[in-house]
C-alpha atoms as a PDB file:
ATOM      1  CA  ASN A   1      13.042 -33.836   1.321  1.00  0.00           C
ATOM      2  CA  GLN A   2      13.321 -33.554  -2.475  1.00  0.00           C
ATOM      3  CA  PHE A   3       9.634 -32.539  -2.720  1.00  0.00           C
ATOM      4  CA  GLY A   4       9.997 -29.554  -0.363  1.00  0.00           C
ATOM      5  CA  ASP A   5       8.106 -31.231   2.496  1.00  0.00           C
ATOM      6  CA  VAL A   6       9.266 -30.482   6.020  1.00  0.00           C
ATOM      7  CA  ILE A   7       9.342 -33.635   8.096  1.00  0.00           C
ATOM      8  CA  ALA A   8      10.372 -32.962  11.670  1.00  0.00           C
ATOM      9  CA  SER A   9       9.584 -33.477  15.304  1.00  0.00           C
ATOM     10  CA  GLY A  10       9.906 -30.871  17.992  1.00  0.00           C
ATOM     11  CA  ALA A  11       9.299 -27.151  17.587  1.00  0.00           C
ATOM     12  CA  ALA A  12       9.865 -24.538  14.899  1.00  0.00           C
ATOM     13  CA  GLN A  13       9.762 -20.773  14.762  1.00  0.00           C
ATOM     14  CA  PHE A  14       8.930 -18.627  11.788  1.00  0.00           C
ATOM     15  CA  GLY A  15       9.601 -14.918  11.972  1.00  0.00           C
ATOM     16  CA  ASN A  16       8.244 -11.934  10.104  1.00  0.00           C
ATOM     17  CA  ILE A  17       5.268 -13.626   8.491  1.00  0.00           C
ATOM     18  CA  LYS A  18       2.767 -10.982   7.471  1.00  0.00           C
ATOM     19  CA  ILE A  19      -0.378 -11.613   5.491  1.00  0.00           C
ATOM     20  CA  ILE A  20      -2.168  -8.453   4.516  1.00  0.00           C
ATOM     21  CA  ARG A  21      -5.696  -8.866   3.213  1.00  0.00           C
ATOM     22  CA  GLY A  22      -6.529  -5.502   1.751  1.00  0.00           C
ATOM     23  CA  ALA A  23      -9.164  -4.177  -0.558  1.00  0.00           C
ATOM     24  CA  GLN A  24      -9.330  -5.232  -4.167  1.00  0.00           C
ATOM     25  CA  ALA A  25     -11.238  -3.922  -7.151  1.00  0.00           C
ATOM     26  CA  ASP A  26     -11.704  -5.230 -10.669  1.00  0.00           C
ATOM     27  CA  THR A  27     -10.509  -2.677 -13.219  1.00  0.00           C
ATOM     28  CA  SER A  28     -11.513  -4.809 -16.221  1.00  0.00           C
ATOM     29  CA  ILE A  29     -12.797  -8.295 -17.021  1.00  0.00           C
ATOM     30  CA  THR A  30      -9.208  -9.619 -16.744  1.00  0.00           C
ATOM     31  CA  GLU A  31      -7.501  -7.299 -14.231  1.00  0.00           C
ATOM     32  CA  THR A  32      -7.793  -6.655 -10.494  1.00  0.00           C
ATOM     33  CA  VAL A  33      -5.948  -4.144  -8.308  1.00  0.00           C
ATOM     34  CA  ALA A  34      -5.300  -5.421  -4.786  1.00  0.00           C
ATOM     35  CA  SER A  35      -3.788  -3.557  -1.837  1.00  0.00           C
ATOM     36  CA  GLY A  36      -2.912  -6.764   0.036  1.00  0.00           C
ATOM     37  CA  SER A  37      -0.623  -9.791  -0.118  1.00  0.00           C
ATOM     38  CA  ALA A  38      -3.520 -12.285  -0.251  1.00  0.00           C
ATOM     39  CA  GLY A  39      -6.933 -12.341  -1.819  1.00  0.00           C
ATOM     40  CA  ILE A  40      -9.358 -13.917  -4.243  1.00  0.00           C
ATOM     41  CA  ALA A  41      -9.134 -14.009  -8.048  1.00  0.00           C
ATOM     42  CA  ILE A  42     -11.795 -15.046 -10.525  1.00  0.00           C
ATOM     43  CA  ILE A  43     -11.003 -16.073 -14.067  1.00  0.00           C
ATOM     44  CA  LYS A  44     -14.292 -15.249 -15.723  1.00  0.00           C
ATOM     45  CA  ALA A  45     -16.085 -17.585 -18.119  1.00  0.00           C
ATOM     46  CA  ASN A  46     -14.768 -17.280 -21.695  1.00  0.00           C
ATOM     47  CA  GLN A  47     -11.474 -15.752 -20.454  1.00  0.00           C
ATOM     48  CA  THR A  48      -8.046 -17.394 -20.085  1.00  0.00           C
ATOM     49  CA  GLU A  49      -6.376 -15.178 -17.490  1.00  0.00           C
ATOM     50  CA  ARG A  50      -6.624 -12.779 -14.570  1.00  0.00           C
ATOM     51  CA  THR A  51      -3.874 -10.281 -13.719  1.00  0.00           C
ATOM     52  CA  MET A  52      -3.575  -9.274 -10.076  1.00  0.00           C
ATOM     53  CA  ILE A  53      -1.792  -5.976  -9.382  1.00  0.00           C
ATOM     54  CA  SER A  54      -0.266  -5.832  -5.901  1.00  0.00           C
ATOM     55  CA  PRO A  55       2.577  -3.759  -4.418  1.00  0.00           C
ATOM     56  CA  PHE A  56       3.804  -6.910  -2.629  1.00  0.00           C
ATOM     57  CA  VAL A  57       5.037  -8.672  -5.780  1.00  0.00           C
ATOM     58  CA  SER A  58       8.823  -8.768  -6.061  1.00  0.00           C
ATOM     59  CA  GLU A  59      11.192 -10.599  -8.382  1.00  0.00           C
ATOM     60  CA  ASN A  60      11.678 -13.341  -5.777  1.00  0.00           C
ATOM     61  CA  SER A  61       8.082 -13.598  -4.528  1.00  0.00           C
ATOM     62  CA  LEU A  62       6.558 -17.027  -4.218  1.00  0.00           C
ATOM     63  CA  ILE A  63       2.949 -16.827  -5.345  1.00  0.00           C
ATOM     64  CA  TYR A  64       0.569 -19.628  -4.435  1.00  0.00           C
ATOM     65  CA  ILE A  65      -2.889 -20.152  -5.905  1.00  0.00           C
ATOM     66  CA  THR A  66      -5.562 -22.584  -4.748  1.00  0.00           C
ATOM     67  CA  PRO A  67      -8.811 -23.182  -6.645  1.00  0.00           C
ATOM     68  CA  MET A  68     -11.971 -22.612  -4.596  1.00  0.00           C
ATOM     69  CA  THR A  69     -14.290 -24.047  -7.268  1.00  0.00           C
ATOM     70  CA  ASP A  70     -14.228 -27.170  -9.394  1.00  0.00           C
ATOM     71  CA  THR A  71     -11.839 -26.525 -12.279  1.00  0.00           C
ATOM     72  CA  LYS A  72     -13.101 -29.563 -14.224  1.00  0.00           C
ATOM     73  CA  GLY A  73      -9.500 -30.726 -14.702  1.00  0.00           C
ATOM     74  CA  ILE A  74      -8.136 -27.350 -15.853  1.00  0.00           C
ATOM     75  CA  THR A  75      -4.880 -26.417 -14.092  1.00  0.00           C
ATOM     76  CA  PRO A  76      -4.417 -22.697 -13.394  1.00  0.00           C
ATOM     77  CA  TYR A  77      -0.802 -21.495 -13.222  1.00  0.00           C
ATOM     78  CA  ILE A  78       1.253 -18.322 -12.780  1.00  0.00           C
ATOM     79  CA  ALA A  79       2.095 -17.218 -16.328  1.00  0.00           C
ATOM     80  CA  ARG A  80       3.813 -13.885 -15.561  1.00  0.00           C
ATOM     81  CA  GLN A  81       5.280 -12.120 -12.550  1.00  0.00           C
ATOM     82  CA  THR A  82       6.429  -8.477 -12.545  1.00  0.00           C
ATOM     83  CA  ALA A  83       8.214  -6.872  -9.614  1.00  0.00           C
ATOM     84  CA  GLN A  84       7.011  -3.658  -7.989  1.00  0.00           C
ATOM     85  CA  GLU A  85       9.650  -1.065  -8.995  1.00  0.00           C
ATOM     86  CA  PRO A  86       8.350   2.479  -8.415  1.00  0.00           C
ATOM     87  CA  ILE A  87      11.573   4.074  -9.700  1.00  0.00           C
ATOM     88  CA  LYS A  88      11.116   2.324 -13.059  1.00  0.00           C
ATOM     89  CA  GLY A  89       7.372   2.968 -12.967  1.00  0.00           C
ATOM     90  CA  SER A  90       6.343  -0.693 -12.886  1.00  0.00           C
ATOM     91  CA  ARG A  91       3.590  -1.969 -10.643  1.00  0.00           C
ATOM     92  CA  GLY A  92       3.907  -5.375  -9.050  1.00  0.00           C
ATOM     93  CA  SER A  93       1.648  -7.937 -10.670  1.00  0.00           C
ATOM     94  CA  PHE A  94       1.152 -11.571 -11.518  1.00  0.00           C
ATOM     95  CA  THR A  95      -1.052 -13.253 -14.078  1.00  0.00           C
ATOM     96  CA  ILE A  96      -2.964 -16.462 -13.429  1.00  0.00           C
ATOM     97  CA  GLN A  97      -3.667 -18.325 -16.635  1.00  0.00           C
ATOM     98  CA  ILE A  98      -5.499 -21.417 -17.859  1.00  0.00           C
ATOM     99  CA  PRO A  99      -4.768 -23.251 -21.138  1.00  0.00           C
ATOM    100  CA  SER A 100      -8.149 -22.524 -22.752  1.00  0.00           C
ATOM    101  CA  SER A 101     -11.282 -20.538 -21.995  1.00  0.00           C
ATOM    102  CA  GLN A 102     -14.126 -22.302 -20.197  1.00  0.00           C
ATOM    103  CA  LEU A 103     -17.883 -21.775 -19.946  1.00  0.00           C
ATOM    104  CA  PHE A 104     -17.660 -21.252 -16.171  1.00  0.00           C
ATOM    105  CA  ASP A 105     -15.867 -18.958 -13.698  1.00  0.00           C
ATOM    106  CA  ILE A 106     -12.828 -20.306 -11.829  1.00  0.00           C
ATOM    107  CA  LYS A 107     -12.445 -18.822  -8.347  1.00  0.00           C
ATOM    108  CA  LEU A 108      -9.027 -18.966  -6.639  1.00  0.00           C
ATOM    109  CA  ASN A 109      -7.354 -17.945  -3.402  1.00  0.00           C
ATOM    110  CA  TRP A 110      -3.911 -16.409  -3.800  1.00  0.00           C
ATOM    111  CA  ILE A 111      -1.091 -15.464  -1.454  1.00  0.00           C
ATOM    112  CA  ILE A 112       2.260 -13.763  -2.018  1.00  0.00           C
ATOM    113  CA  VAL A 113       5.174 -14.882   0.148  1.00  0.00           C
ATOM    114  CA  ASN A 114       8.315 -12.720   0.297  1.00  0.00           C
END
């Protein structure tokens, strides 16, 4: 339908779905390097963003985030998305942002779909 919901009866097949949960390490208070296509991000208290670096980010990637903690009405969103292009020297990444800093951490699940 117009909202992107699939309403059907019967059976469906989806091919080539791969979710890779790799290691991830914080490189700063606002940046994390991840080796997978799914993981956890934390926007730390008093910060407004978290950049996730992953080789699975492409220009056409769909990136979904889901809060795991109460956001107290704050809506996190994908502010930037950069494709992995080794020839040009760019690493794939996306930045999750919130409108203003908070006094609490916001923990999120994320997944990249290509």
